[in-house]
PDB file of N, CA and C in Angstrom:
ATOM      1  N   MET A   1      -6.666   7.216  -2.099  1.00  0.00           N
ATOM      2  CA  MET A   1      -6.958   7.039  -0.649  1.00  0.00           C
ATOM      3  C   MET A   1      -7.563   8.010   0.059  1.00  0.00           C
ATOM      4  N   ARG A   2      -7.451   9.282  -0.508  1.00  0.00           N
ATOM      5  CA  ARG A   2      -8.272  10.561   0.164  1.00  0.00           C
ATOM      6  C   ARG A   2      -9.796  10.070   0.152  1.00  0.00           C
ATOM      7  N   ALA A   3     -10.302   9.289  -0.742  1.00  0.00           N
ATOM      8  CA  ALA A   3     -11.781   8.939  -0.804  1.00  0.00           C
ATOM      9  C   ALA A   3     -12.191   8.174   0.341  1.00  0.00           C
ATOM     10  N   LEU A   4     -11.015   6.995   0.690  1.00  0.00           N
ATOM     11  CA  LEU A   4     -11.439   6.339   1.816  1.00  0.00           C
ATOM     12  C   LEU A   4     -11.233   7.362   3.164  1.00  0.00           C
ATOM     13  N   GLY A   5     -10.487   8.223   3.138  1.00  0.00           N
ATOM     14  CA  GLY A   5     -10.395   9.185   4.266  1.00  0.00           C
ATOM     15  C   GLY A   5      -9.106   8.734   5.152  1.00  0.00           C
ATOM     16  N   LEU A   6      -8.222   7.922   4.372  1.00  0.00           N
ATOM     17  CA  LEU A   6      -7.094   7.410   4.942  1.00  0.00           C
ATOM     18  C   LEU A   6      -6.027   8.064   4.175  1.00  0.00           C
ATOM     19  N   SER A   7      -4.939   8.636   4.739  1.00  0.00           N
ATOM     20  CA  SER A   7      -3.770   9.268   4.312  1.00  0.00           C
ATOM     21  C   SER A   7      -2.682   8.246   4.097  1.00  0.00           C
ATOM     22  N   LEU A   8      -1.732   8.751   3.592  1.00  0.00           N
ATOM     23  CA  LEU A   8      -0.378   7.830   3.131  1.00  0.00           C
ATOM     24  C   LEU A   8       0.120   7.465   4.518  1.00  0.00           C
ATOM     25  N   GLU A   9       0.313   8.687   5.506  1.00  0.00           N
ATOM     26  CA  GLU A   9       1.019   8.190   6.903  1.00  0.00           C
ATOM     27  C   GLU A   9       0.458   7.209   7.659  1.00  0.00           C
ATOM     28  N   ALA A  10      -1.201   7.152   7.573  1.00  0.00           N
ATOM     29  CA  ALA A  10      -2.155   5.970   8.117  1.00  0.00           C
ATOM     30  C   ALA A  10      -1.729   4.896   7.800  1.00  0.00           C
ATOM     31  N   ARG A  11      -1.680   4.871   6.429  1.00  0.00           N
ATOM     32  CA  ARG A  11      -1.008   3.151   5.949  1.00  0.00           C
ATOM     33  C   ARG A  11       0.380   2.664   6.409  1.00  0.00           C
ATOM     34  N   VAL A  12       1.280   3.742   6.458  1.00  0.00           N
ATOM     35  CA  VAL A  12       2.591   3.416   6.802  1.00  0.00           C
ATOM     36  C   VAL A  12       2.592   3.058   8.308  1.00  0.00           C
ATOM     37  N   THR A  13       1.962   3.605   9.247  1.00  0.00           N
ATOM     38  CA  THR A  13       1.558   3.313  10.589  1.00  0.00           C
ATOM     39  C   THR A  13       1.135   1.908  10.873  1.00  0.00           C
ATOM     40  N   ASP A  14       0.139   1.805   9.881  1.00  0.00           N
ATOM     41  CA  ASP A  14      -0.711   0.405   9.957  1.00  0.00           C
ATOM     42  C   ASP A  14       0.253  -0.503   9.543  1.00  0.00           C
ATOM     43  N   ASN A  15       1.094  -0.567   8.670  1.00  0.00           N
ATOM     44  CA  ASN A  15       1.776  -1.644   8.417  1.00  0.00           C
ATOM     45  C   ASN A  15       3.126  -1.882   9.580  1.00  0.00           C
ATOM     46  N   ARG A  16       3.544  -0.839   9.943  1.00  0.00           N
ATOM     47  CA  ARG A  16       4.688  -1.088  10.959  1.00  0.00           C
ATOM     48  C   ARG A  16       3.891  -1.949  12.380  1.00  0.00           C
ATOM     49  N   ALA A  17       2.568  -1.377  12.281  1.00  0.00           N
ATOM     50  CA  ALA A  17       2.171  -2.069  13.554  1.00  0.00           C
ATOM     51  C   ALA A  17       1.754  -3.486  13.271  1.00  0.00           C
ATOM     52  N   MET A  18       1.970  -4.313  12.021  1.00  0.00           N
ATOM     53  CA  MET A  18       1.617  -5.550  11.691  1.00  0.00           C
ATOM     54  C   MET A  18       3.085  -6.191  12.065  1.00  0.00           C
ATOM     55  N   ALA A  19       4.172  -5.451  11.850  1.00  0.00           N
ATOM     56  CA  ALA A  19       5.463  -6.638  11.960  1.00  0.00           C
ATOM     57  C   ALA A  19       5.484  -6.791  13.372  1.00  0.00           C
ATOM     58  N   LYS A  20       6.206  -8.001  13.740  1.00  0.00           N
ATOM     59  CA  LYS A  20       6.417  -8.566  14.961  1.00  0.00           C
ATOM     60  C   LYS A  20       7.611  -7.713  15.733  1.00  0.00           C
ATOM     61  N   LEU A  21       7.525  -7.599  17.005  1.00  0.00           N
ATOM     62  CA  LEU A  21       8.463  -6.668  17.801  1.00  0.00           C
ATOM     63  C   LEU A  21       9.171  -7.808  18.477  1.00  0.00           C
ATOM     64  N   PRO A  22      10.611  -7.779  18.268  1.00  0.00           N
ATOM     65  CA  PRO A  22      11.389  -8.681  19.211  1.00  0.00           C
ATOM     66  C   PRO A  22      11.014  -8.464  20.412  1.00  0.00           C
ATOM     67  N   PRO A  23      10.883  -9.791  21.085  1.00  0.00           N
ATOM     68  CA  PRO A  23      10.443  -9.876  22.766  1.00  0.00           C
ATOM     69  C   PRO A  23      11.716  -9.333  23.580  1.00  0.00           C
ATOM     70  N   ARG A  24      11.182  -8.516  24.659  1.00  0.00           N
ATOM     71  CA  ARG A  24      11.868  -7.882  25.988  1.00  0.00           C
ATOM     72  C   ARG A  24      12.854  -8.950  26.520  1.00  0.00           C
ATOM     73  N   LEU A  25      14.031  -9.204  26.351  1.00  0.00           N
ATOM     74  CA  LEU A  25      14.506 -10.240  27.135  1.00  0.00           C
ATOM     75  C   LEU A  25      15.954  -9.407  27.628  1.00  0.00           C
ATOM     76  N   SER A  26      16.462 -10.191  28.812  1.00  0.00           N
ATOM     77  CA  SER A  26      17.986  -9.914  29.390  1.00  0.00           C
ATOM     78  C   SER A  26      18.916 -10.140  28.467  1.00  0.00           C
ATOM     79  N   PRO A  27      19.858  -9.750  28.639  1.00  0.00           N
ATOM     80  CA  PRO A  27      21.149  -9.813  27.616  1.00  0.00           C
ATOM     81  C   PRO A  27      21.494 -11.729  27.768  1.00  0.00           C
ATOM     82  N   GLU A  28      21.508 -11.815  28.862  1.00  0.00           N
ATOM     83  CA  GLU A  28      21.655 -13.472  28.818  1.00  0.00           C
ATOM     84  C   GLU A  28      20.517 -14.490  28.042  1.00  0.00           C
ATOM     85  N   GLU A  29      19.213 -13.695  28.262  1.00  0.00           N
ATOM     86  CA  GLU A  29      18.386 -14.569  27.879  1.00  0.00           C
ATOM     87  C   GLU A  29      18.322 -14.569  26.412  1.00  0.00           C
ATOM     88  N   LYS A  30      19.056 -13.431  25.836  1.00  0.00           N
ATOM     89  CA  LYS A  30      19.239 -13.039  24.340  1.00  0.00           C
ATOM     90  C   LYS A  30      20.106 -14.100  23.670  1.00  0.00           C
ATOM     91  N   LYS A  31      21.081 -14.367  24.200  1.00  0.00           N
ATOM     92  CA  LYS A  31      22.196 -14.944  23.906  1.00  0.00           C
ATOM     93  C   LYS A  31      21.882 -16.693  24.100  1.00  0.00           C
ATOM     94  N   ARG A  32      21.275 -16.999  24.892  1.00  0.00           N
ATOM     95  CA  ARG A  32      20.553 -18.322  25.026  1.00  0.00           C
ATOM     96  C   ARG A  32      19.768 -18.410  23.911  1.00  0.00           C
ATOM     97  N   VAL A  33      18.946 -17.744  23.571  1.00  0.00           N
ATOM     98  CA  VAL A  33      17.797 -17.772  22.374  1.00  0.00           C
ATOM     99  C   VAL A  33      18.744 -18.021  21.194  1.00  0.00           C
ATOM    100  N   VAL A  34      19.609 -16.897  20.599  1.00  0.00           N
ATOM    101  CA  VAL A  34      20.429 -16.961  19.544  1.00  0.00           C
ATOM    102  C   VAL A  34      21.203 -18.170  19.568  1.00  0.00           C
ATOM    103  N   ALA A  35      21.780 -18.795  20.843  1.00  0.00           N
ATOM    104  CA  ALA A  35      22.584 -19.945  20.527  1.00  0.00           C
ATOM    105  C   ALA A  35      21.659 -21.169  20.454  1.00  0.00           C
ATOM    106  N   THR A  36      20.085 -21.057  20.750  1.00  0.00           N
ATOM    107  CA  THR A  36      19.258 -22.011  20.504  1.00  0.00           C
ATOM    108  C   THR A  36      18.923 -22.123  19.349  1.00  0.00           C
ATOM    109  N   ALA A  37      18.523 -21.083  18.686  1.00  0.00           N
ATOM    110  CA  ALA A  37      18.356 -20.738  16.941  1.00  0.00           C
ATOM    111  C   ALA A  37      19.346 -21.159  16.071  1.00  0.00           C
ATOM    112  N   TRP A  38      20.592 -20.809  16.645  1.00  0.00           N
ATOM    113  CA  TRP A  38      21.645 -21.175  15.729  1.00  0.00           C
ATOM    114  C   TRP A  38      22.142 -22.507  15.716  1.00  0.00           C
ATOM    115  N   ASP A  39      22.319 -23.099  16.421  1.00  0.00           N
ATOM    116  CA  ASP A  39      22.275 -24.588  16.872  1.00  0.00           C
ATOM    117  C   ASP A  39      21.080 -25.810  16.209  1.00  0.00           C
ATOM    118  N   ASP A  40      19.987 -25.085  16.279  1.00  0.00           N
ATOM    119  CA  ASP A  40      18.787 -26.123  16.101  1.00  0.00           C
ATOM    120  C   ASP A  40      18.576 -26.211  14.502  1.00  0.00           C
ATOM    121  N   PRO A  41      18.729 -27.319  14.090  1.00  0.00           N
ATOM    122  CA  PRO A  41      18.547 -27.547  12.491  1.00  0.00           C
ATOM    123  C   PRO A  41      17.067 -27.073  12.197  1.00  0.00           C
ATOM    124  N   PRO A  42      16.036 -27.571  12.470  1.00  0.00           N
ATOM    125  CA  PRO A  42      14.678 -26.656  12.055  1.00  0.00           C
ATOM    126  C   PRO A  42      14.634 -25.711  13.191  1.00  0.00           C
ATOM    127  N   PRO A  43      15.231 -24.466  12.968  1.00  0.00           N
ATOM    128  CA  PRO A  43      15.115 -23.500  14.273  1.00  0.00           C
ATOM    129  C   PRO A  43      14.078 -22.965  15.224  1.00  0.00           C
ATOM    130  N   TYR A  44      13.012 -22.929  14.516  1.00  0.00           N
ATOM    131  CA  TYR A  44      11.879 -22.388  14.969  1.00  0.00           C
ATOM    132  C   TYR A  44      11.002 -23.368  16.026  1.00  0.00           C
ATOM    133  N   THR A  45      11.288 -24.493  15.882  1.00  0.00           N
ATOM    134  CA  THR A  45      10.509 -25.448  16.859  1.00  0.00           C
ATOM    135  C   THR A  45      11.122 -25.375  18.199  1.00  0.00           C
ATOM    136  N   LYS A  46      12.462 -25.852  18.415  1.00  0.00           N
ATOM    137  CA  LYS A  46      13.129 -25.740  19.766  1.00  0.00           C
ATOM    138  C   LYS A  46      13.173 -24.444  20.456  1.00  0.00           C
ATOM    139  N   VAL A  47      13.332 -23.229  19.529  1.00  0.00           N
ATOM    140  CA  VAL A  47      12.979 -21.892  20.307  1.00  0.00           C
ATOM    141  C   VAL A  47      11.643 -22.084  21.109  1.00  0.00           C
ATOM    142  N   LEU A  48      10.625 -22.188  20.143  1.00  0.00           N
ATOM    143  CA  LEU A  48       9.125 -22.091  20.629  1.00  0.00           C
ATOM    144  C   LEU A  48       9.103 -22.861  21.844  1.00  0.00           C
ATOM    145  N   MET A  49       9.789 -24.249  21.623  1.00  0.00           N
ATOM    146  CA  MET A  49       9.450 -24.958  23.163  1.00  0.00           C
ATOM    147  C   MET A  49       9.943 -24.412  24.276  1.00  0.00           C
ATOM    148  N   GLU A  50      11.427 -24.299  24.126  1.00  0.00           N
ATOM    149  CA  GLU A  50      12.163 -23.759  25.035  1.00  0.00           C
ATOM    150  C   GLU A  50      12.024 -22.288  25.827  1.00  0.00           C
ATOM    151  N   HIS A  51      12.018 -21.238  25.132  1.00  0.00           N
ATOM    152  CA  HIS A  51      11.897 -19.872  25.161  1.00  0.00           C
ATOM    153  C   HIS A  51      10.458 -19.479  24.965  1.00  0.00           C
ATOM    154  N   ALA A  52       9.601 -19.933  24.347  1.00  0.00           N
ATOM    155  CA  ALA A  52       8.057 -19.573  24.137  1.00  0.00           C
ATOM    156  C   ALA A  52       8.285 -18.274  23.067  1.00  0.00           C
ATOM    157  N   ILE A  53       9.096 -18.325  22.423  1.00  0.00           N
ATOM    158  CA  ILE A  53       9.092 -17.038  21.273  1.00  0.00           C
ATOM    159  C   ILE A  53       8.646 -17.795  19.936  1.00  0.00           C
ATOM    160  N   ASP A  54       7.806 -17.094  18.940  1.00  0.00           N
ATOM    161  CA  ASP A  54       7.178 -17.591  18.114  1.00  0.00           C
ATOM    162  C   ASP A  54       8.049 -17.152  16.631  1.00  0.00           C
ATOM    163  N   ARG A  55       7.952 -17.654  15.605  1.00  0.00           N
ATOM    164  CA  ARG A  55       8.886 -17.510  14.463  1.00  0.00           C
ATOM    165  C   ARG A  55       9.036 -15.967  14.197  1.00  0.00           C
ATOM    166  N   GLY A  56       7.995 -15.095  14.120  1.00  0.00           N
ATOM    167  CA  GLY A  56       8.012 -13.780  13.736  1.00  0.00           C
ATOM    168  C   GLY A  56       8.803 -12.823  14.958  1.00  0.00           C
ATOM    169  N   GLU A  57       8.918 -13.513  16.127  1.00  0.00           N
ATOM    170  CA  GLU A  57       9.586 -12.556  17.163  1.00  0.00           C
ATOM    171  C   GLU A  57      11.020 -13.382  17.191  1.00  0.00           C
ATOM    172  N   LEU A  58      11.376 -14.508  16.755  1.00  0.00           N
ATOM    173  CA  LEU A  58      12.508 -14.964  16.591  1.00  0.00           C
ATOM    174  C   LEU A  58      13.275 -14.376  15.521  1.00  0.00           C
ATOM    175  N   VAL A  59      12.738 -14.302  14.250  1.00  0.00           N
ATOM    176  CA  VAL A  59      13.102 -13.592  12.993  1.00  0.00           C
ATOM    177  C   VAL A  59      13.573 -12.224  13.424  1.00  0.00           C
ATOM    178  N   ALA A  60      12.740 -11.375  14.163  1.00  0.00           N
ATOM    179  CA  ALA A  60      12.889  -9.760  14.341  1.00  0.00           C
ATOM    180  C   ALA A  60      14.260  -9.868  15.729  1.00  0.00           C
ATOM    181  N   LEU A  61      14.155 -10.631  16.343  1.00  0.00           N
ATOM    182  CA  LEU A  61      15.238 -10.759  17.366  1.00  0.00           C
ATOM    183  C   LEU A  61      16.783 -11.133  16.699  1.00  0.00           C
ATOM    184  N   MET A  62      16.668 -12.073  15.724  1.00  0.00           N
ATOM    185  CA  MET A  62      17.815 -12.477  15.184  1.00  0.00           C
ATOM    186  C   MET A  62      18.319 -11.263  14.352  1.00  0.00           C
ATOM    187  N   LYS A  63      17.371 -10.461  13.557  1.00  0.00           N
ATOM    188  CA  LYS A  63      17.922  -9.281  12.821  1.00  0.00           C
ATOM    189  C   LYS A  63      18.473  -8.449  13.685  1.00  0.00           C
ATOM    190  N   ARG A  64      18.189  -7.991  14.949  1.00  0.00           N
ATOM    191  CA  ARG A  64      18.547  -7.030  15.543  1.00  0.00           C
ATOM    192  C   ARG A  64      20.050  -7.614  16.650  1.00  0.00           C
ATOM    193  N   GLU A  65      20.082  -9.009  16.938  1.00  0.00           N
ATOM    194  CA  GLU A  65      21.061  -9.054  17.556  1.00  0.00           C
ATOM    195  C   GLU A  65      22.104  -9.565  16.456  1.00  0.00           C
ATOM    196  N   LEU A  66      22.127 -10.236  15.399  1.00  0.00           N
ATOM    197  CA  LEU A  66      23.058 -10.633  14.435  1.00  0.00           C
ATOM    198  C   LEU A  66      23.744  -9.338  13.778  1.00  0.00           C
ATOM    199  N   THR A  67      24.942  -9.699  13.164  1.00  0.00           N
ATOM    200  CA  THR A  67      25.496  -8.721  12.329  1.00  0.00           C
ATOM    201  C   THR A  67      24.747  -9.221  10.739  1.00  0.00           C
ATOM    202  N   PRO A  68      24.513  -8.220   9.981  1.00  0.00           N
ATOM    203  CA  PRO A  68      23.881  -8.807   8.715  1.00  0.00           C
ATOM    204  C   PRO A  68      24.384 -10.214   8.170  1.00  0.00           C
ATOM    205  N   THR A  69      25.678 -10.291   7.715  1.00  0.00           N
ATOM    206  CA  THR A  69      26.251 -11.325   7.230  1.00  0.00           C
ATOM    207  C   THR A  69      25.870 -12.719   8.277  1.00  0.00           C
ATOM    208  N   ALA A  70      26.001 -12.518   9.228  1.00  0.00           N
ATOM    209  CA  ALA A  70      25.696 -13.911  10.182  1.00  0.00           C
ATOM    210  C   ALA A  70      24.090 -13.913  10.087  1.00  0.00           C
ATOM    211  N   TYR A  71      23.128 -12.938   9.882  1.00  0.00           N
ATOM    212  CA  TYR A  71      21.824 -13.071   9.664  1.00  0.00           C
ATOM    213  C   TYR A  71      21.525 -13.975   8.174  1.00  0.00           C
ATOM    214  N   LYS A  72      21.952 -13.370   7.435  1.00  0.00           N
ATOM    215  CA  LYS A  72      22.004 -13.981   6.154  1.00  0.00           C
ATOM    216  C   LYS A  72      22.101 -15.458   6.009  1.00  0.00           C
ATOM    217  N   LEU A  73      23.281 -15.755   6.762  1.00  0.00           N
ATOM    218  CA  LEU A  73      23.636 -17.130   6.941  1.00  0.00           C
ATOM    219  C   LEU A  73      23.110 -18.107   7.704  1.00  0.00           C
ATOM    220  N   TRP A  74      22.199 -17.642   8.785  1.00  0.00           N
ATOM    221  CA  TRP A  74      21.000 -18.092   9.730  1.00  0.00           C
ATOM    222  C   TRP A  74      19.708 -18.385   9.052  1.00  0.00           C
ATOM    223  N   LYS A  75      19.488 -17.370   7.915  1.00  0.00           N
ATOM    224  CA  LYS A  75      18.197 -17.570   7.263  1.00  0.00           C
ATOM    225  C   LYS A  75      18.548 -18.594   6.108  1.00  0.00           C
ATOM    226  N   GLU A  76      19.663 -18.085   5.712  1.00  0.00           N
ATOM    227  CA  GLU A  76      19.828 -19.568   4.135  1.00  0.00           C
ATOM    228  C   GLU A  76      19.690 -21.033   5.202  1.00  0.00           C
ATOM    229  N   LYS A  77      20.526 -20.897   6.234  1.00  0.00           N
ATOM    230  CA  LYS A  77      20.455 -22.565   6.818  1.00  0.00           C
ATOM    231  C   LYS A  77      19.080 -22.783   7.449  1.00  0.00           C
ATOM    232  N   ALA A  78      18.373 -21.893   7.947  1.00  0.00           N
ATOM    233  CA  ALA A  78      17.009 -22.535   8.084  1.00  0.00           C
ATOM    234  C   ALA A  78      15.802 -22.516   7.102  1.00  0.00           C
ATOM    235  N   LYS A  79      16.012 -21.726   6.156  1.00  0.00           N
ATOM    236  CA  LYS A  79      15.447 -22.213   4.798  1.00  0.00           C
ATOM    237  C   LYS A  79      15.787 -23.269   4.279  1.00  0.00           C
ATOM    238  N   GLY A  80      16.870 -23.969   4.402  1.00  0.00           N
ATOM    239  CA  GLY A  80      17.487 -25.397   3.657  1.00  0.00           C
ATOM    240  C   GLY A  80      16.962 -26.357   4.400  1.00  0.00           C
ATOM    241  N   VAL A  81      16.699 -26.224   5.709  1.00  0.00           N
ATOM    242  CA  VAL A  81      16.072 -27.518   6.495  1.00  0.00           C
ATOM    243  C   VAL A  81      14.564 -27.650   6.713  1.00  0.00           C
ATOM    244  N   LYS A  82      14.278 -28.599   6.366  1.00  0.00           N
ATOM    245  CA  LYS A  82      12.551 -28.715   6.789  1.00  0.00           C
ATOM    246  C   LYS A  82      12.336 -29.435   7.997  1.00  0.00           C
ATOM    247  N   ALA A  83      11.105 -29.010   8.689  1.00  0.00           N
ATOM    248  CA  ALA A  83      10.929 -29.911   9.760  1.00  0.00           C
ATOM    249  C   ALA A  83      10.512 -31.423   9.563  1.00  0.00           C
ATOM    250  N   PRO A  84      10.728 -32.202  10.227  1.00  0.00           N
ATOM    251  CA  PRO A  84      10.612 -33.852  10.080  1.00  0.00           C
ATOM    252  C   PRO A  84       8.941 -33.967   9.751  1.00  0.00           C
ATOM    253  N   THR A  85       8.619 -34.628   8.869  1.00  0.00           N
ATOM    254  CA  THR A  85       7.230 -34.967   8.608  1.00  0.00           C
ATOM    255  C   THR A  85       6.740 -35.903   9.547  1.00  0.00           C
ATOM    256  N   VAL A  86       5.306 -35.980   9.859  1.00  0.00           N
ATOM    257  CA  VAL A  86       5.082 -37.054  10.734  1.00  0.00           C
ATOM    258  C   VAL A  86       4.131 -37.962   9.776  1.00  0.00           C
ATOM    259  N   LYS A  87       4.210 -39.251   9.798  1.00  0.00           N
ATOM    260  CA  LYS A  87       3.655 -40.281   9.128  1.00  0.00           C
ATOM    261  C   LYS A  87       2.188 -39.978   9.525  1.00  0.00           C
ATOM    262  N   ALA A  88       1.187 -40.316   8.424  1.00  0.00           N
ATOM    263  CA  ALA A  88       0.199 -40.421   8.997  1.00  0.00           C
ATOM    264  C   ALA A  88      -0.629 -41.736   9.446  1.00  0.00           C
ATOM    265  N   LYS A  89      -1.526 -41.658  10.649  1.00  0.00           N
ATOM    266  CA  LYS A  89      -1.617 -42.830  11.285  1.00  0.00           C
ATOM    267  C   LYS A  89      -3.249 -43.327  11.176  1.00  0.00           C
ATOM    268  N   TRP A  90      -3.609 -44.366  11.312  1.00  0.00           N
ATOM    269  CA  TRP A  90      -4.904 -44.916  11.169  1.00  0.00           C
ATOM    270  C   TRP A  90      -5.760 -44.069  12.092  1.00  0.00           C
ATOM    271  N   PRO A  91      -6.825 -43.642  12.067  1.00  0.00           N
ATOM    272  CA  PRO A  91      -7.942 -43.926  11.110  1.00  0.00           C
ATOM    273  C   PRO A  91      -7.803 -42.864  10.133  1.00  0.00           C
ATOM    274  N   HIS A  92      -6.917 -41.685   9.896  1.00  0.00           N
ATOM    275  CA  HIS A  92      -6.761 -40.826   9.055  1.00  0.00           C
ATOM    276  C   HIS A  92      -6.147 -41.064   7.637  1.00  0.00           C
ATOM    277  N   GLY A  93      -5.002 -42.088   7.938  1.00  0.00           N
ATOM    278  CA  GLY A  93      -4.102 -42.477   6.991  1.00  0.00           C
ATOM    279  C   GLY A  93      -3.989 -43.859   6.711  1.00  0.00           C
ATOM    280  N   LYS A  94      -3.067 -44.337   5.965  1.00  0.00           N
ATOM    281  CA  LYS A  94      -3.187 -45.661   5.460  1.00  0.00           C
ATOM    282  C   LYS A  94      -1.794 -46.383   6.587  1.00  0.00           C
TER     283      LYS A  94
END
Protein backbone atom coordinates (compact mmCIF):
# COMPACT_ATOMS: atom_id res chain seq x y z
CA MET A 1 0.00 0.00 0.00
CA ARG A 2 2.91 2.34 0.52
CA ALA A 3 3.69 2.11 -3.19
CA LEU A 4 0.28 3.57 -3.97
CA GLY A 5 0.72 6.28 -1.37
CA LEU A 6 -2.08 5.00 0.86
CA SER A 7 -1.59 4.08 4.45
CA LEU A 8 -3.60 1.54 6.41
CA GLU A 9 -5.39 4.37 8.22
CA ALA A 10 -6.60 5.84 4.92
CA ARG A 11 -8.11 2.51 3.87
CA VAL A 12 -9.95 2.12 7.20
CA THR A 13 -11.48 5.59 7.03
CA ASP A 14 -12.52 5.04 3.39
CA ASN A 15 -14.40 1.86 4.36
CA ARG A 16 -16.23 3.67 7.15
CA ALA A 17 -17.31 6.37 4.73
CA MET A 18 -18.93 3.73 2.53
CA ALA A 19 -21.19 2.39 5.31
CA LYS A 20 -24.72 3.79 5.49
CA LEU A 21 -25.42 5.95 8.49
CA PRO A 22 -28.76 5.72 10.25
CA PRO A 23 -31.02 8.67 9.48
CA ARG A 24 -31.50 11.45 12.01
CA LEU A 25 -34.99 11.04 13.32
CA SER A 26 -36.89 12.10 16.40
CA PRO A 27 -37.59 9.38 18.99
CA GLU A 28 -41.24 9.22 17.88
CA GLU A 29 -40.24 8.81 14.23
CA LYS A 30 -37.77 6.08 15.19
CA LYS A 31 -40.52 4.18 16.99
CA ARG A 32 -42.80 4.42 13.94
CA VAL A 33 -40.07 3.26 11.54
CA VAL A 34 -39.09 0.32 13.77
CA ALA A 35 -42.75 -0.68 14.18
CA THR A 36 -43.32 -0.48 10.43
CA ALA A 37 -40.20 -2.52 9.67
CA TRP A 38 -41.08 -5.11 12.31
CA ASP A 39 -44.66 -5.60 11.09
CA ASP A 40 -44.09 -5.48 7.31
CA PRO A 41 -43.45 -8.96 5.82
CA PRO A 42 -40.97 -7.71 3.19
CA PRO A 43 -39.72 -4.90 5.49
CA TYR A 44 -37.90 -2.67 3.05
CA THR A 45 -40.74 -1.73 0.69
CA LYS A 46 -43.23 -0.26 3.14
CA VAL A 47 -40.56 1.65 5.07
CA LEU A 48 -39.23 3.12 1.83
CA MET A 49 -42.70 4.19 0.72
CA GLU A 50 -43.90 5.60 4.06
CA HIS A 51 -40.71 7.01 5.57
CA ALA A 52 -38.34 7.44 2.57
CA ILE A 53 -35.61 5.36 4.23
CA ASP A 54 -33.68 2.99 2.01
CA ARG A 55 -32.47 -0.49 2.88
CA GLY A 56 -28.98 0.44 4.14
CA GLU A 57 -30.27 3.21 6.38
CA LEU A 58 -32.99 0.94 7.74
CA VAL A 59 -30.51 -1.81 8.61
CA ALA A 60 -28.25 0.72 10.37
CA LEU A 61 -31.23 2.14 12.28
CA MET A 62 -32.47 -1.31 13.33
CA LYS A 63 -28.97 -2.32 14.47
CA ARG A 64 -28.76 0.78 16.63
CA GLU A 65 -32.29 0.74 18.04
CA LEU A 66 -32.93 -2.97 18.68
CA THR A 67 -31.22 -5.29 21.12
CA PRO A 68 -28.83 -7.78 19.46
CA THR A 69 -31.31 -10.64 19.91
CA ALA A 70 -34.22 -8.66 18.49
CA TYR A 71 -32.08 -7.49 15.55
CA LYS A 72 -31.14 -11.10 14.74
CA LEU A 73 -34.82 -12.11 14.84
CA TRP A 74 -35.77 -9.22 12.55
CA LYS A 75 -32.93 -9.97 10.16
CA GLU A 76 -33.91 -13.64 9.88
CA LYS A 77 -37.57 -12.72 9.42
CA ALA A 78 -36.65 -10.23 6.70
CA LYS A 79 -34.36 -12.71 5.00
CA GLY A 80 -36.99 -15.45 4.93
CA VAL A 81 -39.67 -13.44 3.12
CA LYS A 82 -39.28 -12.40 -0.48
CA ALA A 83 -41.14 -9.57 -2.11
CA PRO A 84 -43.93 -10.65 -4.44
CA THR A 85 -42.90 -11.08 -8.06
CA VAL A 86 -44.68 -9.19 -10.77
CA LYS A 87 -45.85 -11.28 -13.69
CA ALA A 88 -44.45 -10.14 -17.03
CA LYS A 89 -47.02 -8.43 -19.25
CA TRP A 90 -47.25 -8.08 -22.98
CA PRO A 91 -45.27 -6.88 -25.04
CA HIS A 92 -42.25 -7.96 -22.94
CA GLY A 93 -43.55 -11.28 -21.67
CA LYS A 94 -46.01 -14.00 -22.51
